[in-house]
Protein backbone atom coordinates (compact mmCIF):
# COMPACT_ATOMS: atom_id res chain seq x y z
CA UNK A 1 88.84 62.70 -20.65
CA UNK A 2 89.77 59.05 -20.82
CA UNK A 3 87.98 55.98 -19.51
CA UNK A 4 89.40 54.93 -16.16
CA UNK A 5 91.00 51.60 -15.40
CA UNK A 6 88.79 48.68 -14.44
CA UNK A 7 89.49 48.12 -10.74
CA UNK A 8 88.67 45.17 -8.51
CA UNK A 9 86.58 46.41 -5.57
CA UNK A 10 85.42 43.16 -3.94
CA UNK A 11 87.74 40.23 -4.55
CA UNK A 12 86.54 38.03 -7.42
CA UNK A 13 83.07 39.59 -7.21
CA UNK A 14 82.80 43.33 -8.02
CA UNK A 15 84.77 45.65 -10.28
CA UNK A 16 84.31 49.37 -10.91
CA UNK A 17 85.33 51.71 -13.68
CA UNK A 18 84.95 55.48 -13.96
CA UNK A 19 84.01 57.13 -17.22
CA UNK A 20 83.61 60.74 -18.35
CA UNK A 21 80.16 62.06 -19.19
CA UNK A 22 78.79 65.48 -20.06
CA UNK A 23 75.26 66.31 -18.92
CA UNK A 24 73.40 69.64 -19.19
CA UNK A 25 76.64 71.39 -20.05
CA UNK A 26 78.49 70.06 -17.00
CA UNK A 27 81.41 67.63 -17.17
CA UNK A 28 80.97 64.77 -14.71
CA UNK A 29 82.33 61.32 -14.06
CA UNK A 30 80.13 58.27 -13.79
CA UNK A 31 81.02 54.88 -12.36
CA UNK A 32 80.14 51.54 -13.90
CA UNK A 33 79.93 48.44 -11.70
CA UNK A 34 80.49 44.88 -12.88
CA UNK A 35 79.25 42.00 -10.72
CA UNK A 36 80.33 38.41 -11.24
CA UNK A 37 77.69 35.81 -10.42
CA UNK A 38 78.40 32.37 -9.00
CA UNK A 39 78.04 31.01 -12.54
CA UNK A 40 80.91 33.24 -13.69
CA UNK A 41 78.53 35.35 -15.77
CA UNK A 42 78.72 39.13 -15.53
CA UNK A 43 76.18 41.85 -14.78
CA UNK A 44 77.08 45.28 -16.16
CA UNK A 45 75.41 47.87 -13.91
CA UNK A 46 75.18 51.43 -15.26
CA UNK A 47 77.13 50.89 -18.50
CA UNK A 48 79.77 53.49 -19.22
CA UNK A 49 81.86 54.30 -22.22
CA UNK A 50 83.44 51.30 -23.87
CA UNK A 51 86.33 50.97 -26.29
CA UNK A 52 88.56 48.11 -27.40
CA UNK A 53 90.77 48.28 -24.32
CA UNK A 54 87.82 48.44 -21.92
CA UNK A 55 86.12 45.51 -23.64
CA UNK A 56 89.28 43.46 -23.37
CA UNK A 57 89.41 44.07 -19.61
CA UNK A 58 85.75 43.14 -19.18
CA UNK A 59 86.01 40.00 -21.30
CA UNK A 60 88.89 38.81 -19.12
CA UNK A 61 86.47 38.66 -16.18
CA UNK A 62 83.81 36.46 -17.77
CA UNK A 63 80.83 36.52 -20.11
CA UNK A 64 78.61 39.60 -20.10
CA UNK A 65 75.07 38.22 -19.78
CA UNK A 66 73.09 41.12 -18.30
CA UNK A 67 73.12 44.87 -18.96
CA UNK A 68 71.31 47.01 -16.36
CA UNK A 69 70.17 50.61 -16.75
CA UNK A 70 69.29 51.24 -13.08
CA UNK A 71 68.08 54.84 -13.15
CA UNK A 72 66.20 57.41 -15.19
CA UNK A 73 69.42 59.21 -16.14
CA UNK A 74 71.71 56.20 -16.52
CA UNK A 75 71.05 54.91 -20.00
CA UNK A 76 73.40 56.83 -22.31
CA UNK A 77 75.79 53.99 -23.07
CA UNK A 78 73.41 51.03 -23.03
CA UNK A 79 73.26 50.89 -26.86
CA UNK A 80 77.07 50.85 -27.02
CA UNK A 81 77.21 47.83 -24.73
CA UNK A 82 74.43 46.13 -26.65
CA UNK A 83 76.45 46.55 -29.84
CA UNK A 84 79.46 44.90 -28.19
CA UNK A 85 77.42 42.20 -26.43
CA UNK A 86 74.41 41.48 -28.66
CA UNK A 87 73.45 38.27 -26.82
CA UNK A 88 73.28 39.95 -23.39
CA UNK A 89 69.84 40.63 -21.88
CA UNK A 90 68.98 44.26 -21.12
CA UNK A 91 67.02 45.38 -18.05
CA UNK A 92 65.67 48.94 -17.73
CA UNK A 93 64.61 51.03 -14.76
CA UNK A 94 60.83 51.55 -14.95
CA UNK A 95 60.02 54.55 -17.14
CA UNK A 96 63.06 54.25 -19.38
CA UNK A 97 61.04 52.23 -21.88
CA UNK A 98 59.06 55.46 -22.48
CA UNK A 99 61.93 57.92 -22.15
CA UNK A 100 64.19 55.92 -24.47
CA UNK A 101 61.89 53.96 -26.82
CA UNK A 102 64.88 53.54 -29.13
CA UNK A 103 66.63 51.22 -26.67
CA UNK A 104 65.93 47.55 -27.20
CA UNK A 105 65.25 45.79 -23.90
CA UNK A 106 64.21 42.41 -22.56
CA UNK A 107 62.91 43.19 -19.08
CA UNK A 108 61.85 46.00 -16.73
CA UNK A 109 63.51 45.97 -13.30
CA UNK A 110 61.17 45.45 -10.36
CA UNK A 111 61.08 45.00 -6.60
CA UNK A 112 62.25 41.40 -6.76
CA UNK A 113 65.58 40.28 -8.16
CA UNK A 114 65.70 38.11 -11.23
CA UNK A 115 66.05 34.45 -10.13
CA UNK A 116 69.35 34.26 -11.95
CA UNK A 117 70.95 36.75 -9.57
CA UNK A 118 68.55 36.51 -6.63
CA UNK A 119 71.00 34.33 -4.74
CA UNK A 120 73.37 37.23 -4.12
CA UNK A 121 71.56 40.49 -4.97
CA UNK A 122 68.63 42.38 -3.51
CA UNK A 123 66.84 45.22 -5.30
CA UNK A 124 63.91 47.58 -4.87
CA UNK A 125 62.30 50.25 -7.05
CA UNK A 126 62.44 53.77 -5.60
CA UNK A 127 59.40 55.47 -7.13
CA UNK A 128 60.59 59.04 -6.99
CA UNK A 129 59.06 62.04 -8.76
CA UNK A 130 58.14 61.90 -12.42
CA UNK A 131 61.63 63.00 -13.44
CA UNK A 132 63.68 60.37 -11.68
CA UNK A 133 63.30 56.76 -10.52
CA UNK A 134 66.01 54.33 -9.46
CA UNK A 135 66.57 50.67 -8.64
CA UNK A 136 69.21 50.26 -5.90
CA UNK A 137 71.05 46.93 -5.73
CA UNK A 138 72.60 45.26 -2.69
CA UNK A 139 75.33 42.64 -2.96
CA UNK A 140 74.65 40.49 0.09
CA UNK A 141 77.98 38.60 0.36
CA UNK A 142 80.00 41.82 0.61
CA UNK A 143 77.23 44.04 2.08
CA UNK A 144 77.80 46.50 -0.76
CA UNK A 145 75.04 48.88 -1.80
CA UNK A 146 75.16 50.06 -5.44
CA UNK A 147 73.45 53.38 -6.22
CA UNK A 148 73.38 55.88 -9.06
CA UNK A 149 71.51 59.06 -8.01
CA UNK A 150 70.08 58.37 -4.54
CA UNK A 151 73.43 59.55 -3.18
CA UNK A 152 76.14 61.74 -4.67
CA UNK A 153 79.35 62.48 -2.82
CA UNK A 154 81.41 65.28 -4.34
CA UNK A 155 83.58 67.64 -2.31
CA UNK A 156 87.12 68.68 -1.52
CA UNK A 157 88.43 65.11 -1.69
CA UNK A 158 86.91 64.38 -5.12
CA UNK A 159 89.58 62.71 -7.24
CA UNK A 160 88.70 64.58 -10.46
CA UNK A 161 88.88 68.25 -11.44
CA UNK A 162 85.56 70.02 -10.83
CA UNK A 163 84.39 72.89 -13.00
CA UNK A 164 83.31 76.18 -11.46
CA UNK A 165 79.70 75.74 -12.60
CA UNK A 166 79.30 72.38 -10.86
CA UNK A 167 81.03 73.65 -7.73
CA UNK A 168 78.77 76.69 -7.47
CA UNK A 169 75.60 74.66 -7.91
CA UNK A 170 76.70 72.01 -5.42
CA UNK A 171 77.88 74.56 -2.83
CA UNK A 172 75.42 77.42 -3.05
CA UNK A 173 72.21 75.96 -4.43
CA UNK A 174 71.93 72.32 -3.38
CA UNK A 175 74.31 72.35 -0.38
CA UNK A 176 75.87 69.10 -1.57
CA UNK A 177 79.55 70.00 -1.45
CA UNK A 178 81.23 67.84 1.21
CA UNK A 179 77.70 66.76 2.13
CA UNK A 180 76.45 63.51 0.53
CA UNK A 181 72.88 63.98 -0.65
CA UNK A 182 70.50 62.69 -3.29
CA UNK A 183 70.73 64.13 -6.80
CA UNK A 184 69.20 67.58 -7.35
CA UNK A 185 66.24 66.03 -9.18
CA UNK A 186 65.22 64.33 -5.92
CA UNK A 187 65.72 67.45 -3.86
CA UNK A 188 63.31 69.39 -6.06
CA UNK A 189 60.64 66.92 -4.92
CA UNK A 190 60.58 63.27 -3.86
CA UNK A 191 57.15 62.49 -5.26
CA UNK A 192 54.84 60.44 -3.02
CA UNK A 193 56.75 60.46 0.25
CA UNK A 194 54.97 57.41 1.65
CA UNK A 195 55.90 55.27 -1.36
CA UNK A 196 59.48 56.54 -1.49
CA UNK A 197 59.89 56.12 2.26
CA UNK A 198 58.95 52.44 2.10
CA UNK A 199 61.58 51.87 -0.56
CA UNK A 200 64.29 53.75 1.34
CA UNK A 201 63.46 51.91 4.56
CA UNK A 202 63.96 48.64 2.73
CA UNK A 203 67.37 49.83 1.55
CA UNK A 204 68.28 50.80 5.12
CA UNK A 205 67.16 47.37 6.35
CA UNK A 206 69.92 45.77 4.31
CA UNK A 207 72.47 47.50 6.62
CA UNK A 208 75.15 48.03 3.98
CA UNK A 209 78.75 48.54 5.02
CA UNK A 210 79.91 50.31 1.84
CA UNK A 211 78.33 52.17 -1.05
CA UNK A 212 79.39 52.30 -4.67
CA UNK A 213 78.13 55.57 -6.17
CA UNK A 214 77.82 56.64 -9.77
CA UNK A 215 78.95 60.19 -8.94
CA UNK A 216 81.59 61.05 -6.37
CA UNK A 217 83.74 59.26 -3.85
CA UNK A 218 82.76 55.86 -2.49
CA UNK A 219 81.27 55.77 1.00
CA UNK A 220 82.87 53.22 3.32
CA UNK A 221 82.33 54.67 6.82
CA UNK A 222 79.18 55.43 8.83
CA UNK A 223 77.18 54.20 5.85
CA UNK A 224 73.72 53.92 7.41
CA UNK A 225 74.16 57.25 9.20
CA UNK A 226 75.12 58.95 5.92
CA UNK A 227 72.05 57.52 4.20
CA UNK A 228 69.70 58.55 7.00
CA UNK A 229 71.09 62.08 6.95
CA UNK A 230 70.83 62.36 3.16
CA UNK A 231 67.25 61.09 3.11
CA UNK A 232 66.09 62.66 6.39
CA UNK A 233 63.44 64.85 4.78
CA UNK A 234 61.52 62.01 3.16
CA UNK A 235 62.12 59.50 5.97
CA UNK A 236 60.55 61.92 8.45
CA UNK A 237 57.60 62.85 6.21
């Protein structure tokens, strides 16, 4: 499976690129997001696979200054990006510094954006169960929410082949086929509902108009309604 083409999603501001990944014996596709700041510097959110051609495309956009690992399961290719961009600063989702002590990092992501991107991005830590935490980002100028595992959207219109194992799990076990929901790790248990709910309510308060997901098709209609439905259990707790 090859790395996808880097595609402009928001004019002169956001680009996305799909990449193949294998996790727990299942072939998936992830989605990397690149955000250009007003300075022209680049944020690489959820780094994916990188090769010479992909690096050339990225370098044409600007200078990579920040590498973000925004979730507990989105760290696999951070070292690859660090090797290609040794002067970039690396930010980890809380907990990854323990899970991946081999990854060199500069900062831990928190509830407030770094001042260098605070002019255009919002963020909040979703303190899920022990297994999975995430830091959603919101690009204010385009009202674009950027998630990794808080929503997955795989179904009949998914643009990649889906193996039988994934389809069975998503259809029969987690009821996620054609039904955007949080990753299975969240469905097993959200952790402290009151803490998670506060984080999700802050995300909802941003009123996004589109969502870039790491797994599955982008969501560009009825965005707040989709989120409320996907997170109904914890929002009502």
